[in-house]
Amino acid sequence: MALHDIDVLLVDLSLNQVRLLLAPTANLQEISIEHGWGSEFNKLAAELERLLGIT
């Protein structure tokens, strides 16, 4: 499902799609938590949101 989310982002590269990809309940966060790098993902997501002006 996460690959589908990335494919959608590549087709529609918008801030809204980035926001959805980085959302706390999104597939990428779920995968990161399952594989032990949830904290790192959250830091990356926060930094991307800051750089892109997404709140």
N, C-alpha and C. Protein backbone atom coordinates (compact mmCIF):
# COMPACT_ATOMS: atom_id res chain seq x y z
N MET A 1 0.82 -1.19 0.00
CA MET A 1 0.00 0.00 0.00
C MET A 1 0.87 1.27 0.00
N ALA A 2 2.01 1.22 0.67
CA ALA A 2 2.89 2.39 0.71
C ALA A 2 3.42 2.72 -0.69
N LEU A 3 3.71 1.68 -1.48
CA LEU A 3 4.18 1.92 -2.85
C LEU A 3 3.10 2.61 -3.67
N HIS A 4 1.87 2.23 -3.45
CA HIS A 4 0.76 2.89 -4.14
C HIS A 4 0.71 4.37 -3.76
N ASP A 5 0.89 4.66 -2.47
CA ASP A 5 0.88 6.05 -2.00
C ASP A 5 1.98 6.87 -2.68
N ILE A 6 3.15 6.28 -2.84
CA ILE A 6 4.26 6.96 -3.50
C ILE A 6 3.95 7.14 -4.98
N ASP A 7 3.37 6.13 -5.63
CA ASP A 7 2.98 6.26 -7.03
C ASP A 7 1.99 7.40 -7.23
N VAL A 8 1.02 7.51 -6.32
CA VAL A 8 0.05 8.60 -6.40
C VAL A 8 0.75 9.94 -6.28
N LEU A 9 1.70 10.04 -5.36
CA LEU A 9 2.45 11.28 -5.19
C LEU A 9 3.21 11.64 -6.46
N LEU A 10 3.79 10.64 -7.11
CA LEU A 10 4.55 10.91 -8.33
C LEU A 10 3.66 11.40 -9.47
N VAL A 11 2.41 10.96 -9.48
CA VAL A 11 1.46 11.40 -10.51
C VAL A 11 0.93 12.80 -10.18
N ASP A 12 0.66 13.05 -8.92
CA ASP A 12 0.11 14.33 -8.47
C ASP A 12 1.01 14.91 -7.41
N LEU A 13 2.09 15.52 -7.83
CA LEU A 13 3.07 16.09 -6.90
C LEU A 13 2.54 17.42 -6.37
N SER A 14 1.78 17.33 -5.29
CA SER A 14 1.21 18.52 -4.67
C SER A 14 1.48 18.48 -3.17
N LEU A 15 1.39 19.63 -2.54
CA LEU A 15 1.61 19.69 -1.10
C LEU A 15 0.58 18.84 -0.36
N ASN A 16 -0.63 18.77 -0.88
CA ASN A 16 -1.65 17.96 -0.24
C ASN A 16 -1.26 16.48 -0.27
N GLN A 17 -0.72 16.01 -1.38
CA GLN A 17 -0.29 14.62 -1.47
C GLN A 17 0.89 14.35 -0.54
N VAL A 18 1.80 15.30 -0.43
CA VAL A 18 2.93 15.15 0.50
C VAL A 18 2.39 15.08 1.92
N ARG A 19 1.45 15.95 2.23
CA ARG A 19 0.84 15.97 3.57
C ARG A 19 0.22 14.61 3.88
N LEU A 20 -0.49 14.04 2.92
CA LEU A 20 -1.12 12.73 3.12
C LEU A 20 -0.07 11.64 3.30
N LEU A 21 1.00 11.71 2.56
CA LEU A 21 2.07 10.71 2.65
C LEU A 21 2.75 10.75 4.02
N LEU A 22 2.87 11.93 4.61
CA LEU A 22 3.57 12.10 5.89
C LEU A 22 2.64 12.05 7.10
N ALA A 23 1.36 11.89 6.88
CA ALA A 23 0.39 11.92 7.98
C ALA A 23 0.70 10.86 9.04
N PRO A 24 0.37 11.16 10.30
CA PRO A 24 0.67 10.22 11.39
C PRO A 24 0.04 8.84 11.21
N THR A 25 -1.03 8.75 10.47
CA THR A 25 -1.68 7.44 10.28
C THR A 25 -1.44 6.87 8.88
N ALA A 26 -0.51 7.45 8.14
CA ALA A 26 -0.25 7.00 6.77
C ALA A 26 0.54 5.70 6.76
N ASN A 27 0.52 5.04 5.62
CA ASN A 27 1.19 3.75 5.47
C ASN A 27 2.69 3.81 5.74
N LEU A 28 3.34 4.89 5.32
CA LEU A 28 4.79 4.98 5.54
C LEU A 28 5.13 5.02 7.02
N GLN A 29 4.33 5.72 7.80
CA GLN A 29 4.60 5.75 9.23
C GLN A 29 4.36 4.37 9.85
N GLU A 30 3.31 3.71 9.43
CA GLU A 30 3.03 2.37 9.95
C GLU A 30 4.19 1.42 9.67
N ILE A 31 4.71 1.47 8.45
CA ILE A 31 5.84 0.61 8.08
C ILE A 31 7.07 0.97 8.90
N SER A 32 7.30 2.27 9.08
CA SER A 32 8.49 2.69 9.83
C SER A 32 8.41 2.21 11.28
N ILE A 33 7.24 2.26 11.87
CA ILE A 33 7.08 1.79 13.24
C ILE A 33 7.29 0.28 13.32
N GLU A 34 6.71 -0.46 12.37
CA GLU A 34 6.84 -1.92 12.36
C GLU A 34 8.30 -2.37 12.24
N HIS A 35 9.12 -1.56 11.57
CA HIS A 35 10.50 -1.95 11.31
C HIS A 35 11.52 -1.23 12.21
N GLY A 36 11.01 -0.53 13.24
CA GLY A 36 11.90 0.02 14.24
C GLY A 36 12.52 1.37 13.90
N TRP A 37 12.05 2.04 12.86
CA TRP A 37 12.61 3.36 12.57
C TRP A 37 11.53 4.44 12.56
N GLY A 38 10.52 4.24 13.42
CA GLY A 38 9.43 5.20 13.52
C GLY A 38 9.88 6.58 13.99
N SER A 39 10.80 6.61 14.94
CA SER A 39 11.30 7.88 15.44
C SER A 39 12.02 8.65 14.34
N GLU A 40 12.84 7.96 13.58
CA GLU A 40 13.57 8.60 12.47
C GLU A 40 12.60 9.11 11.41
N PHE A 41 11.55 8.33 11.12
CA PHE A 41 10.56 8.76 10.14
C PHE A 41 9.86 10.03 10.62
N ASN A 42 9.49 10.05 11.90
CA ASN A 42 8.82 11.23 12.44
C ASN A 42 9.70 12.47 12.35
N LYS A 43 10.99 12.32 12.61
CA LYS A 43 11.92 13.45 12.48
C LYS A 43 12.00 13.91 11.02
N LEU A 44 12.10 12.96 10.10
CA LEU A 44 12.15 13.29 8.67
C LEU A 44 10.87 13.98 8.23
N ALA A 45 9.73 13.43 8.63
CA ALA A 45 8.45 14.02 8.26
C ALA A 45 8.33 15.44 8.79
N ALA A 46 8.73 15.66 10.04
CA ALA A 46 8.66 17.00 10.63
C ALA A 46 9.56 17.97 9.88
N GLU A 47 10.75 17.53 9.50
CA GLU A 47 11.66 18.40 8.78
C GLU A 47 11.12 18.72 7.37
N LEU A 48 10.59 17.73 6.68
CA LEU A 48 10.00 17.98 5.36
C LEU A 48 8.81 18.94 5.46
N GLU A 49 7.98 18.73 6.46
CA GLU A 49 6.83 19.64 6.66
C GLU A 49 7.32 21.06 6.93
N ARG A 50 8.37 21.19 7.72
CA ARG A 50 8.91 22.52 8.02
C ARG A 50 9.46 23.17 6.75
N LEU A 51 10.23 22.43 5.98
CA LEU A 51 10.83 22.98 4.77
C LEU A 51 9.78 23.34 3.72
N LEU A 52 8.72 22.57 3.64
CA LEU A 52 7.68 22.80 2.64
C LEU A 52 6.58 23.73 3.14
N GLY A 53 6.67 24.13 4.41
CA GLY A 53 5.66 25.03 4.97
C GLY A 53 4.33 24.35 5.20
N ILE A 54 4.37 23.06 5.45
CA ILE A 54 3.15 22.29 5.71
C ILE A 54 2.96 22.22 7.21
N THR A 55 1.78 22.58 7.67
CA THR A 55 1.51 22.50 9.11
C THR A 55 0.30 21.65 9.37
